[in-house]
Amino acid sequence: MAEKLGIGFRETLRNWVKQHEIDAGTRPGTTTEGSAELKALKKENAELKRANEILKAAASFFAASLDRPHTRS
């Protein structure tokens, strides 16, 4: 079959190894279902950390404004 396609043994073996690395998620620049899920979770975690920092800053701001004496005009 490989001979009909003009593919030698080395190319066939190289393609099999490449596909195995892709399936195992060890080939750089490729994604598998598991690695794509991990990437999505890391992105979500980063977004949640950023949201948490914003909430902390807002809480500090409001706490500081409550500590200030209020004046009526």
PDB file of N, CA and C in Angstrom:
ATOM      1  N   MET A   1       0.825  -1.195   0.000  1.00  0.00           N
ATOM      2  CA  MET A   1       0.000   0.000   0.000  1.00  0.00           C
ATOM      3  C   MET A   1       0.865   1.253   0.000  1.00  0.00           C
ATOM      4  N   ALA A   2       1.867   1.285   0.873  1.00  0.00           N
ATOM      5  CA  ALA A   2       2.742   2.450   0.941  1.00  0.00           C
ATOM      6  C   ALA A   2       3.471   2.659  -0.375  1.00  0.00           C
ATOM      7  N   GLU A   3       3.856   1.568  -1.036  1.00  0.00           N
ATOM      8  CA  GLU A   3       4.558   1.682  -2.315  1.00  0.00           C
ATOM      9  C   GLU A   3       3.652   2.293  -3.376  1.00  0.00           C
ATOM     10  N   LYS A   4       2.377   1.932  -3.370  1.00  0.00           N
ATOM     11  CA  LYS A   4       1.428   2.493  -4.331  1.00  0.00           C
ATOM     12  C   LYS A   4       1.288   3.999  -4.151  1.00  0.00           C
ATOM     13  N   LEU A   5       1.370   4.450  -2.919  1.00  0.00           N
ATOM     14  CA  LEU A   5       1.240   5.875  -2.620  1.00  0.00           C
ATOM     15  C   LEU A   5       2.559   6.627  -2.762  1.00  0.00           C
ATOM     16  N   GLY A   6       3.631   5.878  -3.029  1.00  0.00           N
ATOM     17  CA  GLY A   6       4.938   6.496  -3.142  1.00  0.00           C
ATOM     18  C   GLY A   6       5.533   6.864  -1.796  1.00  0.00           C
ATOM     19  N   ILE A   7       5.088   6.168  -0.766  1.00  0.00           N
ATOM     20  CA  ILE A   7       5.583   6.425   0.583  1.00  0.00           C
ATOM     21  C   ILE A   7       6.515   5.279   0.970  1.00  0.00           C
ATOM     22  N   GLY A   8       7.714   5.621   1.372  1.00  0.00           N
ATOM     23  CA  GLY A   8       8.665   4.612   1.789  1.00  0.00           C
ATOM     24  C   GLY A   8       8.427   4.193   3.233  1.00  0.00           C
ATOM     25  N   PHE A   9       9.183   3.190   3.662  1.00  0.00           N
ATOM     26  CA  PHE A   9       9.049   2.656   5.016  1.00  0.00           C
ATOM     27  C   PHE A   9       9.337   3.729   6.058  1.00  0.00           C
ATOM     28  N   ARG A  10      10.384   4.530   5.826  1.00  0.00           N
ATOM     29  CA  ARG A  10      10.742   5.575   6.803  1.00  0.00           C
ATOM     30  C   ARG A  10       9.611   6.584   6.983  1.00  0.00           C
ATOM     31  N   GLU A  11       9.014   7.012   5.884  1.00  0.00           N
ATOM     32  CA  GLU A  11       7.925   7.981   5.967  1.00  0.00           C
ATOM     33  C   GLU A  11       6.721   7.390   6.693  1.00  0.00           C
ATOM     34  N   THR A  12       6.435   6.121   6.408  1.00  0.00           N
ATOM     35  CA  THR A  12       5.316   5.452   7.068  1.00  0.00           C
ATOM     36  C   THR A  12       5.560   5.362   8.566  1.00  0.00           C
ATOM     37  N   LEU A  13       6.759   4.934   8.936  1.00  0.00           N
ATOM     38  CA  LEU A  13       7.115   4.816  10.347  1.00  0.00           C
ATOM     39  C   LEU A  13       7.074   6.186  11.018  1.00  0.00           C
ATOM     40  N   ARG A  14       7.606   7.201  10.348  1.00  0.00           N
ATOM     41  CA  ARG A  14       7.601   8.558  10.896  1.00  0.00           C
ATOM     42  C   ARG A  14       6.153   9.042  11.123  1.00  0.00           C
ATOM     43  N   ASN A  15       5.268   8.778  10.181  1.00  0.00           N
ATOM     44  CA  ASN A  15       3.869   9.186  10.334  1.00  0.00           C
ATOM     45  C   ASN A  15       3.197   8.456  11.485  1.00  0.00           C
ATOM     46  N   TRP A  16       3.497   7.173  11.653  1.00  0.00           N
ATOM     47  CA  TRP A  16       2.912   6.416  12.772  1.00  0.00           C
ATOM     48  C   TRP A  16       3.378   6.987  14.109  1.00  0.00           C
ATOM     49  N   VAL A  17       4.668   7.279  14.219  1.00  0.00           N
ATOM     50  CA  VAL A  17       5.215   7.844  15.448  1.00  0.00           C
ATOM     51  C   VAL A  17       4.591   9.209  15.702  1.00  0.00           C
ATOM     52  N   LYS A  18       4.484  10.018  14.661  1.00  0.00           N
ATOM     53  CA  LYS A  18       3.875  11.340  14.799  1.00  0.00           C
ATOM     54  C   LYS A  18       2.434  11.218  15.297  1.00  0.00           C
ATOM     55  N   GLN A  19       1.666  10.310  14.713  1.00  0.00           N
ATOM     56  CA  GLN A  19       0.285  10.140  15.137  1.00  0.00           C
ATOM     57  C   GLN A  19       0.207   9.639  16.572  1.00  0.00           C
ATOM     58  N   HIS A  20       1.113   8.745  16.956  1.00  0.00           N
ATOM     59  CA  HIS A  20       1.135   8.254  18.339  1.00  0.00           C
ATOM     60  C   HIS A  20       1.421   9.403  19.305  1.00  0.00           C
ATOM     61  N   GLU A  21       2.369  10.278  18.948  1.00  0.00           N
ATOM     62  CA  GLU A  21       2.686  11.413  19.812  1.00  0.00           C
ATOM     63  C   GLU A  21       1.501  12.369  19.917  1.00  0.00           C
ATOM     64  N   ILE A  22       0.790  12.568  18.823  1.00  0.00           N
ATOM     65  CA  ILE A  22      -0.393  13.429  18.846  1.00  0.00           C
ATOM     66  C   ILE A  22      -1.453  12.809  19.746  1.00  0.00           C
ATOM     67  N   ASP A  23      -1.709  11.505  19.566  1.00  0.00           N
ATOM     68  CA  ASP A  23      -2.716  10.820  20.380  1.00  0.00           C
ATOM     69  C   ASP A  23      -2.360  10.824  21.848  1.00  0.00           C
ATOM     70  N   ALA A  24      -1.071  10.753  22.159  1.00  0.00           N
ATOM     71  CA  ALA A  24      -0.622  10.735  23.551  1.00  0.00           C
ATOM     72  C   ALA A  24      -0.539  12.145  24.138  1.00  0.00           C
ATOM     73  N   GLY A  25      -0.669  13.167  23.291  1.00  0.00           N
ATOM     74  CA  GLY A  25      -0.594  14.544  23.762  1.00  0.00           C
ATOM     75  C   GLY A  25       0.807  14.998  24.084  1.00  0.00           C
ATOM     76  N   THR A  26       1.816  14.300  23.545  1.00  0.00           N
ATOM     77  CA  THR A  26       3.195  14.654  23.855  1.00  0.00           C
ATOM     78  C   THR A  26       3.871  15.429  22.734  1.00  0.00           C
ATOM     79  N   ARG A  27       3.220  15.570  21.609  1.00  0.00           N
ATOM     80  CA  ARG A  27       3.826  16.294  20.491  1.00  0.00           C
ATOM     81  C   ARG A  27       3.523  17.779  20.648  1.00  0.00           C
ATOM     82  N   PRO A  28       4.545  18.627  20.673  1.00  0.00           N
ATOM     83  CA  PRO A  28       4.324  20.061  20.832  1.00  0.00           C
ATOM     84  C   PRO A  28       3.470  20.631  19.706  1.00  0.00           C
ATOM     85  N   GLY A  29       2.613  21.561  20.072  1.00  0.00           N
ATOM     86  CA  GLY A  29       1.793  22.219  19.078  1.00  0.00           C
ATOM     87  C   GLY A  29       0.548  21.456  18.674  1.00  0.00           C
ATOM     88  N   THR A  30       0.278  20.346  19.344  1.00  0.00           N
ATOM     89  CA  THR A  30      -0.914  19.583  19.024  1.00  0.00           C
ATOM     90  C   THR A  30      -1.823  19.562  20.237  1.00  0.00           C
ATOM     91  N   THR A  31      -3.070  19.340  19.992  1.00  0.00           N
ATOM     92  CA  THR A  31      -4.000  19.263  21.105  1.00  0.00           C
ATOM     93  C   THR A  31      -4.777  17.962  21.032  1.00  0.00           C
ATOM     94  N   THR A  32      -5.014  17.407  22.163  1.00  0.00           N
ATOM     95  CA  THR A  32      -5.885  16.258  22.279  1.00  0.00           C
ATOM     96  C   THR A  32      -7.048  16.709  23.134  1.00  0.00           C
ATOM     97  N   GLU A  33      -8.037  15.875  23.282  1.00  0.00           N
ATOM     98  CA  GLU A  33      -9.198  16.248  24.083  1.00  0.00           C
ATOM     99  C   GLU A  33      -8.782  16.611  25.505  1.00  0.00           C
ATOM    100  N   GLY A  34      -7.902  15.810  26.092  1.00  0.00           N
ATOM    101  CA  GLY A  34      -7.452  16.064  27.457  1.00  0.00           C
ATOM    102  C   GLY A  34      -6.645  17.343  27.590  1.00  0.00           C
ATOM    103  N   SER A  35      -5.722  17.564  26.653  1.00  0.00           N
ATOM    104  CA  SER A  35      -4.897  18.770  26.746  1.00  0.00           C
ATOM    105  C   SER A  35      -5.721  20.018  26.437  1.00  0.00           C
ATOM    106  N   ALA A  36      -6.706  19.897  25.556  1.00  0.00           N
ATOM    107  CA  ALA A  36      -7.580  21.040  25.277  1.00  0.00           C
ATOM    108  C   ALA A  36      -8.423  21.373  26.503  1.00  0.00           C
ATOM    109  N   GLU A  37      -8.883  20.344  27.205  1.00  0.00           N
ATOM    110  CA  GLU A  37      -9.667  20.564  28.424  1.00  0.00           C
ATOM    111  C   GLU A  37      -8.809  21.225  29.498  1.00  0.00           C
ATOM    112  N   LEU A  38      -7.574  20.757  29.644  1.00  0.00           N
ATOM    113  CA  LEU A  38      -6.655  21.343  30.619  1.00  0.00           C
ATOM    114  C   LEU A  38      -6.377  22.811  30.291  1.00  0.00           C
ATOM    115  N   LYS A  39      -6.195  23.109  29.014  1.00  0.00           N
ATOM    116  CA  LYS A  39      -5.946  24.486  28.595  1.00  0.00           C
ATOM    117  C   LYS A  39      -7.150  25.368  28.929  1.00  0.00           C
ATOM    118  N   ALA A  40      -8.356  24.861  28.689  1.00  0.00           N
ATOM    119  CA  ALA A  40      -9.571  25.617  28.995  1.00  0.00           C
ATOM    120  C   ALA A  40      -9.698  25.851  30.494  1.00  0.00           C
ATOM    121  N   LEU A  41      -9.363  24.846  31.298  1.00  0.00           N
ATOM    122  CA  LEU A  41      -9.438  24.996  32.751  1.00  0.00           C
ATOM    123  C   LEU A  41      -8.414  26.010  33.262  1.00  0.00           C
ATOM    124  N   LYS A  42      -7.216  26.006  32.681  1.00  0.00           N
ATOM    125  CA  LYS A  42      -6.197  26.985  33.077  1.00  0.00           C
ATOM    126  C   LYS A  42      -6.656  28.399  32.741  1.00  0.00           C
ATOM    127  N   LYS A  43      -7.293  28.560  31.575  1.00  0.00           N
ATOM    128  CA  LYS A  43      -7.794  29.879  31.184  1.00  0.00           C
ATOM    129  C   LYS A  43      -8.896  30.321  32.138  1.00  0.00           C
ATOM    130  N   GLU A  44      -9.813  29.418  32.458  1.00  0.00           N
ATOM    131  CA  GLU A  44     -10.897  29.747  33.383  1.00  0.00           C
ATOM    132  C   GLU A  44     -10.342  30.105  34.757  1.00  0.00           C
ATOM    133  N   ASN A  45      -9.334  29.372  35.217  1.00  0.00           N
ATOM    134  CA  ASN A  45      -8.710  29.645  36.510  1.00  0.00           C
ATOM    135  C   ASN A  45      -8.080  31.041  36.515  1.00  0.00           C
ATOM    136  N   ALA A  46      -7.412  31.404  35.436  1.00  0.00           N
ATOM    137  CA  ALA A  46      -6.799  32.730  35.352  1.00  0.00           C
ATOM    138  C   ALA A  46      -7.873  33.826  35.385  1.00  0.00           C
ATOM    139  N   GLU A  47      -8.996  33.593  34.685  1.00  0.00           N
ATOM    140  CA  GLU A  47     -10.079  34.573  34.688  1.00  0.00           C
ATOM    141  C   GLU A  47     -10.694  34.708  36.085  1.00  0.00           C
ATOM    142  N   LEU A  48     -10.848  33.600  36.784  1.00  0.00           N
ATOM    143  CA  LEU A  48     -11.396  33.650  38.138  1.00  0.00           C
ATOM    144  C   LEU A  48     -10.456  34.354  39.106  1.00  0.00           C
ATOM    145  N   LYS A  49      -9.150  34.133  38.959  1.00  0.00           N
ATOM    146  CA  LYS A  49      -8.180  34.831  39.802  1.00  0.00           C
ATOM    147  C   LYS A  49      -8.256  36.334  39.568  1.00  0.00           C
ATOM    148  N   ARG A  50      -8.391  36.729  38.300  1.00  0.00           N
ATOM    149  CA  ARG A  50      -8.481  38.158  37.964  1.00  0.00           C
ATOM    150  C   ARG A  50      -9.758  38.750  38.565  1.00  0.00           C
ATOM    151  N   ALA A  51     -10.869  38.050  38.445  1.00  0.00           N
ATOM    152  CA  ALA A  51     -12.136  38.529  39.012  1.00  0.00           C
ATOM    153  C   ALA A  51     -12.022  38.652  40.528  1.00  0.00           C
ATOM    154  N   ASN A  52     -11.349  37.710  41.165  1.00  0.00           N
ATOM    155  CA  ASN A  52     -11.152  37.747  42.612  1.00  0.00           C
ATOM    156  C   ASN A  52     -10.330  38.966  43.018  1.00  0.00           C
ATOM    157  N   GLU A  53      -9.306  39.286  42.264  1.00  0.00           N
ATOM    158  CA  GLU A  53      -8.488  40.468  42.556  1.00  0.00           C
ATOM    159  C   GLU A  53      -9.320  41.740  42.426  1.00  0.00           C
ATOM    160  N   ILE A  54     -10.185  41.799  41.430  1.00  0.00           N
ATOM    161  CA  ILE A  54     -11.044  42.974  41.245  1.00  0.00           C
ATOM    162  C   ILE A  54     -12.005  43.108  42.425  1.00  0.00           C
ATOM    163  N   LEU A  55     -12.580  41.991  42.847  1.00  0.00           N
ATOM    164  CA  LEU A  55     -13.498  42.021  43.996  1.00  0.00           C
ATOM    165  C   LEU A  55     -12.781  42.434  45.279  1.00  0.00           C
ATOM    166  N   LYS A  56     -11.557  41.971  45.472  1.00  0.00           N
ATOM    167  CA  LYS A  56     -10.783  42.366  46.656  1.00  0.00           C
ATOM    168  C   LYS A  56     -10.521  43.869  46.641  1.00  0.00           C
ATOM    169  N   ALA A  57     -10.164  44.398  45.475  1.00  0.00           N
ATOM    170  CA  ALA A  57      -9.891  45.830  45.362  1.00  0.00           C
ATOM    171  C   ALA A  57     -11.162  46.631  45.644  1.00  0.00           C
ATOM    172  N   ALA A  58     -12.286  46.172  45.116  1.00  0.00           N
ATOM    173  CA  ALA A  58     -13.554  46.873  45.355  1.00  0.00           C
ATOM    174  C   ALA A  58     -13.924  46.818  46.833  1.00  0.00           C
ATOM    175  N   ALA A  59     -13.726  45.680  47.474  1.00  0.00           N
ATOM    176  CA  ALA A  59     -14.040  45.548  48.904  1.00  0.00           C
ATOM    177  C   ALA A  59     -13.165  46.486  49.730  1.00  0.00           C
ATOM    178  N   SER A  60     -11.888  46.580  49.387  1.00  0.00           N
ATOM    179  CA  SER A  60     -10.981  47.487  50.102  1.00  0.00           C
ATOM    180  C   SER A  60     -11.408  48.937  49.930  1.00  0.00           C
ATOM    181  N   PHE A  61     -11.796  49.295  48.703  1.00  0.00           N
ATOM    182  CA  PHE A  61     -12.233  50.658  48.434  1.00  0.00           C
ATOM    183  C   PHE A  61     -13.472  51.003  49.260  1.00  0.00           C
ATOM    184  N   PHE A  62     -14.462  50.111  49.275  1.00  0.00           N
ATOM    185  CA  PHE A  62     -15.682  50.389  50.024  1.00  0.00           C
ATOM    186  C   PHE A  62     -15.439  50.369  51.528  1.00  0.00           C
ATOM    187  N   ALA A  63     -14.559  49.507  51.988  1.00  0.00           N
ATOM    188  CA  ALA A  63     -14.234  49.484  53.419  1.00  0.00           C
ATOM    189  C   ALA A  63     -13.568  50.796  53.818  1.00  0.00           C
ATOM    190  N   ALA A  64     -12.681  51.284  52.975  1.00  0.00           N
ATOM    191  CA  ALA A  64     -12.002  52.549  53.264  1.00  0.00           C
ATOM    192  C   ALA A  64     -12.999  53.709  53.251  1.00  0.00           C
ATOM    193  N   SER A  65     -13.961  53.662  52.350  1.00  0.00           N
ATOM    194  CA  SER A  65     -14.939  54.761  52.298  1.00  0.00           C
ATOM    195  C   SER A  65     -15.850  54.736  53.525  1.00  0.00           C
ATOM    196  N   LEU A  66     -16.082  53.591  54.115  1.00  0.00           N
ATOM    197  CA  LEU A  66     -16.897  53.510  55.332  1.00  0.00           C
ATOM    198  C   LEU A  66     -16.137  54.051  56.544  1.00  0.00           C
ATOM    199  N   ASP A  67     -14.812  53.941  56.530  1.00  0.00           N
ATOM    200  CA  ASP A  67     -13.997  54.427  57.637  1.00  0.00           C
ATOM    201  C   ASP A  67     -13.859  55.951  57.631  1.00  0.00           C
ATOM    202  N   ARG A  68     -14.093  56.592  56.475  1.00  0.00           N
ATOM    203  CA  ARG A  68     -13.966  58.043  56.385  1.00  0.00           C
ATOM    204  C   ARG A  68     -15.179  58.722  57.033  1.00  0.00           C
ATOM    205  N   PRO A  69     -14.965  59.828  57.714  1.00  0.00           N
ATOM    206  CA  PRO A  69     -16.109  60.551  58.265  1.00  0.00           C
ATOM    207  C   PRO A  69     -16.941  61.168  57.142  1.00  0.00           C
ATOM    208  N   HIS A  70     -18.229  61.058  57.281  1.00  0.00           N
ATOM    209  CA  HIS A  70     -19.140  61.596  56.270  1.00  0.00           C
ATOM    210  C   HIS A  70     -19.524  63.023  56.664  1.00  0.00           C
ATOM    211  N   THR A  71     -19.498  63.898  55.733  1.00  0.00           N
ATOM    212  CA  THR A  71     -19.900  65.283  55.983  1.00  0.00           C
ATOM    213  C   THR A  71     -21.115  65.594  55.124  1.00  0.00           C
ATOM    214  N   ARG A  72     -22.012  66.357  55.717  1.00  0.00           N
ATOM    215  CA  ARG A  72     -23.194  66.776  54.957  1.00  0.00           C
ATOM    216  C   ARG A  72     -22.952  68.164  54.411  1.00  0.00           C
ATOM    217  N   SER A  73     -23.431  68.404  53.230  1.00  0.00           N
ATOM    218  CA  SER A  73     -23.267  69.742  52.676  1.00  0.00           C
ATOM    219  C   SER A  73     -24.518  70.565  52.792  1.00  0.00           C
TER     220      SER A  73
END
